N, C-alpha and C. Protein backbone atom coordinates (compact mmCIF):
# COMPACT_ATOMS: atom_id res chain seq x y z
N MET A 1 -0.70 -46.30 29.12
CA MET A 1 -0.57 -47.64 28.60
C MET A 1 0.23 -47.60 27.30
N ARG A 2 1.14 -48.52 27.13
CA ARG A 2 2.00 -48.54 25.95
C ARG A 2 1.22 -48.67 24.66
N SER A 3 0.14 -49.45 24.69
CA SER A 3 -0.63 -49.63 23.46
C SER A 3 -1.24 -48.32 23.00
N ASP A 4 -1.70 -47.48 23.93
CA ASP A 4 -2.23 -46.16 23.57
C ASP A 4 -1.14 -45.30 22.94
N ALA A 5 0.05 -45.32 23.53
CA ALA A 5 1.16 -44.54 23.00
C ALA A 5 1.52 -45.00 21.60
N CYS A 6 1.49 -46.29 21.36
CA CYS A 6 1.80 -46.82 20.03
C CYS A 6 0.76 -46.36 19.02
N ARG A 7 -0.49 -46.40 19.39
CA ARG A 7 -1.54 -45.97 18.47
C ARG A 7 -1.43 -44.48 18.16
N VAL A 8 -1.19 -43.68 19.17
CA VAL A 8 -1.10 -42.22 18.99
C VAL A 8 0.08 -41.86 18.08
N THR A 9 1.20 -42.55 18.27
CA THR A 9 2.41 -42.21 17.51
C THR A 9 2.54 -43.01 16.21
N GLY A 10 1.65 -43.98 16.02
CA GLY A 10 1.72 -44.80 14.81
C GLY A 10 2.88 -45.78 14.83
N ARG A 11 3.34 -46.13 16.01
CA ARG A 11 4.46 -47.06 16.14
C ARG A 11 3.97 -48.44 16.56
N GLU A 12 4.88 -49.39 16.53
CA GLU A 12 4.55 -50.77 16.85
C GLU A 12 5.37 -51.24 18.04
N LEU A 13 4.77 -52.07 18.86
CA LEU A 13 5.46 -52.70 19.99
C LEU A 13 5.96 -54.05 19.50
N GLY A 14 7.24 -54.32 19.68
CA GLY A 14 7.82 -55.56 19.18
C GLY A 14 8.04 -56.59 20.26
N THR A 15 7.87 -57.84 19.90
CA THR A 15 8.11 -58.95 20.83
C THR A 15 8.74 -60.12 20.07
N PHE A 16 9.58 -60.86 20.76
CA PHE A 16 10.27 -62.01 20.18
C PHE A 16 9.88 -63.26 20.94
N GLU A 17 9.78 -64.36 20.22
CA GLU A 17 9.48 -65.64 20.87
C GLU A 17 10.14 -66.76 20.08
N ILE A 18 10.82 -67.63 20.78
CA ILE A 18 11.50 -68.77 20.13
C ILE A 18 10.55 -69.95 19.98
N ASP A 19 9.78 -70.24 21.00
CA ASP A 19 8.92 -71.42 21.05
C ASP A 19 7.65 -71.24 20.21
N ASP A 20 7.36 -72.20 19.36
CA ASP A 20 6.18 -72.13 18.48
C ASP A 20 4.88 -71.98 19.25
N LEU A 21 4.71 -72.79 20.30
CA LEU A 21 3.48 -72.75 21.08
C LEU A 21 3.30 -71.39 21.76
N LYS A 22 4.38 -70.89 22.36
CA LYS A 22 4.30 -69.59 23.02
C LYS A 22 4.05 -68.46 22.02
N PHE A 23 4.62 -68.58 20.82
CA PHE A 23 4.40 -67.59 19.78
C PHE A 23 2.91 -67.53 19.41
N THR A 24 2.31 -68.70 19.22
CA THR A 24 0.89 -68.79 18.88
C THR A 24 0.01 -68.29 20.02
N LEU A 25 0.32 -68.70 21.24
CA LEU A 25 -0.44 -68.26 22.40
C LEU A 25 -0.36 -66.74 22.57
N ALA A 26 0.83 -66.18 22.37
CA ALA A 26 1.00 -64.73 22.48
C ALA A 26 0.16 -64.01 21.43
N ALA A 27 0.16 -64.50 20.20
CA ALA A 27 -0.63 -63.89 19.13
C ALA A 27 -2.12 -63.91 19.49
N GLU A 28 -2.59 -65.02 20.01
CA GLU A 28 -4.00 -65.13 20.41
C GLU A 28 -4.31 -64.17 21.55
N THR A 29 -3.39 -64.06 22.50
CA THR A 29 -3.59 -63.16 23.64
C THR A 29 -3.61 -61.71 23.17
N PHE A 30 -2.67 -61.31 22.33
CA PHE A 30 -2.64 -59.93 21.83
C PHE A 30 -3.93 -59.60 21.10
N SER A 31 -4.41 -60.53 20.32
CA SER A 31 -5.66 -60.32 19.58
C SER A 31 -6.86 -60.21 20.51
N SER A 32 -6.92 -61.10 21.52
CA SER A 32 -8.08 -61.12 22.40
C SER A 32 -8.18 -59.87 23.28
N VAL A 33 -7.05 -59.22 23.55
CA VAL A 33 -7.09 -58.01 24.37
C VAL A 33 -7.08 -56.74 23.52
N GLY A 34 -7.18 -56.91 22.21
CA GLY A 34 -7.34 -55.77 21.32
C GLY A 34 -6.08 -55.03 20.93
N ILE A 35 -4.92 -55.68 21.06
CA ILE A 35 -3.69 -54.99 20.66
C ILE A 35 -2.93 -55.73 19.55
N GLY A 36 -3.56 -56.70 18.96
CA GLY A 36 -2.92 -57.47 17.89
C GLY A 36 -2.50 -56.61 16.72
N ASP A 37 -3.18 -55.49 16.53
CA ASP A 37 -2.87 -54.61 15.40
C ASP A 37 -1.61 -53.78 15.61
N ILE A 38 -1.13 -53.66 16.85
CA ILE A 38 0.04 -52.82 17.10
C ILE A 38 1.23 -53.62 17.62
N VAL A 39 1.08 -54.94 17.75
CA VAL A 39 2.19 -55.77 18.23
C VAL A 39 2.79 -56.51 17.05
N GLY A 40 4.07 -56.29 16.84
CA GLY A 40 4.80 -57.01 15.80
C GLY A 40 5.57 -58.16 16.43
N GLN A 41 5.18 -59.37 16.07
CA GLN A 41 5.84 -60.54 16.62
C GLN A 41 6.95 -61.01 15.69
N VAL A 42 8.06 -61.40 16.28
CA VAL A 42 9.17 -61.99 15.53
C VAL A 42 9.39 -63.39 16.07
N LYS A 43 9.36 -64.37 15.20
CA LYS A 43 9.63 -65.76 15.61
C LYS A 43 11.12 -65.95 15.55
N GLY A 44 11.75 -66.04 16.71
CA GLY A 44 13.19 -66.22 16.73
C GLY A 44 13.79 -65.72 18.03
N ASP A 45 15.09 -65.80 18.09
CA ASP A 45 15.86 -65.46 19.28
C ASP A 45 16.18 -63.96 19.28
N ALA A 46 15.71 -63.25 20.29
CA ALA A 46 15.93 -61.80 20.38
C ALA A 46 17.40 -61.46 20.43
N ARG A 47 18.21 -62.36 20.96
CA ARG A 47 19.64 -62.09 21.06
C ARG A 47 20.29 -61.90 19.70
N LYS A 48 19.71 -62.50 18.66
CA LYS A 48 20.25 -62.33 17.30
C LYS A 48 19.96 -60.94 16.75
N HIS A 49 19.01 -60.24 17.35
CA HIS A 49 18.63 -58.90 16.91
C HIS A 49 19.14 -57.83 17.87
N LEU A 50 19.84 -58.24 18.89
CA LEU A 50 20.24 -57.35 19.97
C LEU A 50 21.09 -56.17 19.49
N GLY A 51 22.09 -56.43 18.69
CA GLY A 51 22.96 -55.36 18.21
C GLY A 51 22.18 -54.29 17.47
N ARG A 52 21.28 -54.69 16.61
CA ARG A 52 20.45 -53.74 15.85
C ARG A 52 19.56 -52.93 16.79
N MET A 53 18.98 -53.59 17.80
CA MET A 53 18.11 -52.88 18.74
C MET A 53 18.89 -51.85 19.55
N VAL A 54 20.07 -52.23 20.00
CA VAL A 54 20.88 -51.30 20.80
C VAL A 54 21.31 -50.11 19.94
N ARG A 55 21.76 -50.34 18.72
CA ARG A 55 22.17 -49.24 17.83
C ARG A 55 21.01 -48.30 17.55
N ARG A 56 19.85 -48.87 17.28
CA ARG A 56 18.66 -48.04 17.01
C ARG A 56 18.28 -47.21 18.24
N THR A 57 18.36 -47.82 19.40
CA THR A 57 18.03 -47.12 20.64
C THR A 57 19.01 -45.98 20.89
N MET A 58 20.28 -46.22 20.66
CA MET A 58 21.29 -45.19 20.90
C MET A 58 21.12 -43.98 19.98
N ARG A 59 20.58 -44.19 18.79
CA ARG A 59 20.35 -43.08 17.84
C ARG A 59 19.07 -42.31 18.13
N ASP A 60 18.13 -42.92 18.84
CA ASP A 60 16.82 -42.31 19.08
C ASP A 60 16.89 -41.35 20.27
N LYS A 61 16.74 -40.06 20.01
CA LYS A 61 16.87 -39.05 21.06
C LYS A 61 15.75 -39.12 22.09
N ARG A 62 14.64 -39.78 21.76
CA ARG A 62 13.52 -39.89 22.70
C ARG A 62 13.76 -40.94 23.76
N VAL A 63 14.71 -41.83 23.54
CA VAL A 63 14.93 -42.96 24.44
C VAL A 63 16.13 -42.69 25.34
N ASP A 64 15.95 -42.88 26.63
CA ASP A 64 17.03 -42.73 27.59
C ASP A 64 17.54 -44.09 28.05
N THR A 65 16.62 -45.05 28.22
CA THR A 65 16.96 -46.34 28.78
C THR A 65 16.20 -47.44 28.05
N MET A 66 16.85 -48.59 27.88
CA MET A 66 16.20 -49.76 27.30
C MET A 66 16.48 -50.94 28.23
N ILE A 67 15.44 -51.63 28.66
CA ILE A 67 15.60 -52.79 29.53
C ILE A 67 15.01 -54.00 28.81
N LEU A 68 15.82 -55.04 28.67
CA LEU A 68 15.38 -56.25 27.99
C LEU A 68 15.54 -57.46 28.90
N PRO A 69 14.46 -58.20 29.16
CA PRO A 69 14.62 -59.45 29.91
C PRO A 69 15.20 -60.51 28.97
N ILE A 70 16.34 -61.06 29.34
CA ILE A 70 16.99 -62.08 28.52
C ILE A 70 17.36 -63.25 29.42
N GLY A 71 16.78 -64.39 29.14
CA GLY A 71 17.06 -65.56 29.97
C GLY A 71 16.65 -65.29 31.41
N SER A 72 17.57 -65.50 32.32
CA SER A 72 17.26 -65.27 33.74
C SER A 72 17.79 -63.93 34.22
N GLY A 73 18.19 -63.06 33.30
CA GLY A 73 18.73 -61.76 33.68
C GLY A 73 18.11 -60.63 32.88
N LEU A 74 18.69 -59.47 33.02
CA LEU A 74 18.25 -58.28 32.30
C LEU A 74 19.42 -57.61 31.64
N LEU A 75 19.18 -57.05 30.47
CA LEU A 75 20.16 -56.19 29.82
C LEU A 75 19.66 -54.78 29.97
N LEU A 76 20.46 -53.92 30.53
CA LEU A 76 20.10 -52.53 30.72
C LEU A 76 21.03 -51.66 29.92
N CYS A 77 20.48 -50.86 29.01
CA CYS A 77 21.27 -49.92 28.22
C CYS A 77 20.81 -48.53 28.62
N ARG A 78 21.73 -47.69 29.04
CA ARG A 78 21.37 -46.34 29.46
C ARG A 78 22.33 -45.35 28.83
N LYS A 79 21.78 -44.31 28.25
CA LYS A 79 22.61 -43.26 27.66
C LYS A 79 23.17 -42.39 28.78
N ILE A 80 24.42 -42.05 28.67
CA ILE A 80 25.06 -41.20 29.69
C ILE A 80 25.41 -39.86 29.07
């Protein structure tokens, strides 16, 4: 489970949400299932952070692939 991996490594799982209601609902859900302490929520459009995420992923030797659901499609970044 990703939450276990985050706790073991001391890392945070990040999520983005544009809609206020969905942001609040997500925070309540994360808290109710016991992962609110390891989920970092960002209120805003993930596409505005995309360049930073891709650059960070490309530098991280532990990561081979990053898949992001965006709109009705997916962005797939894979190191070759």
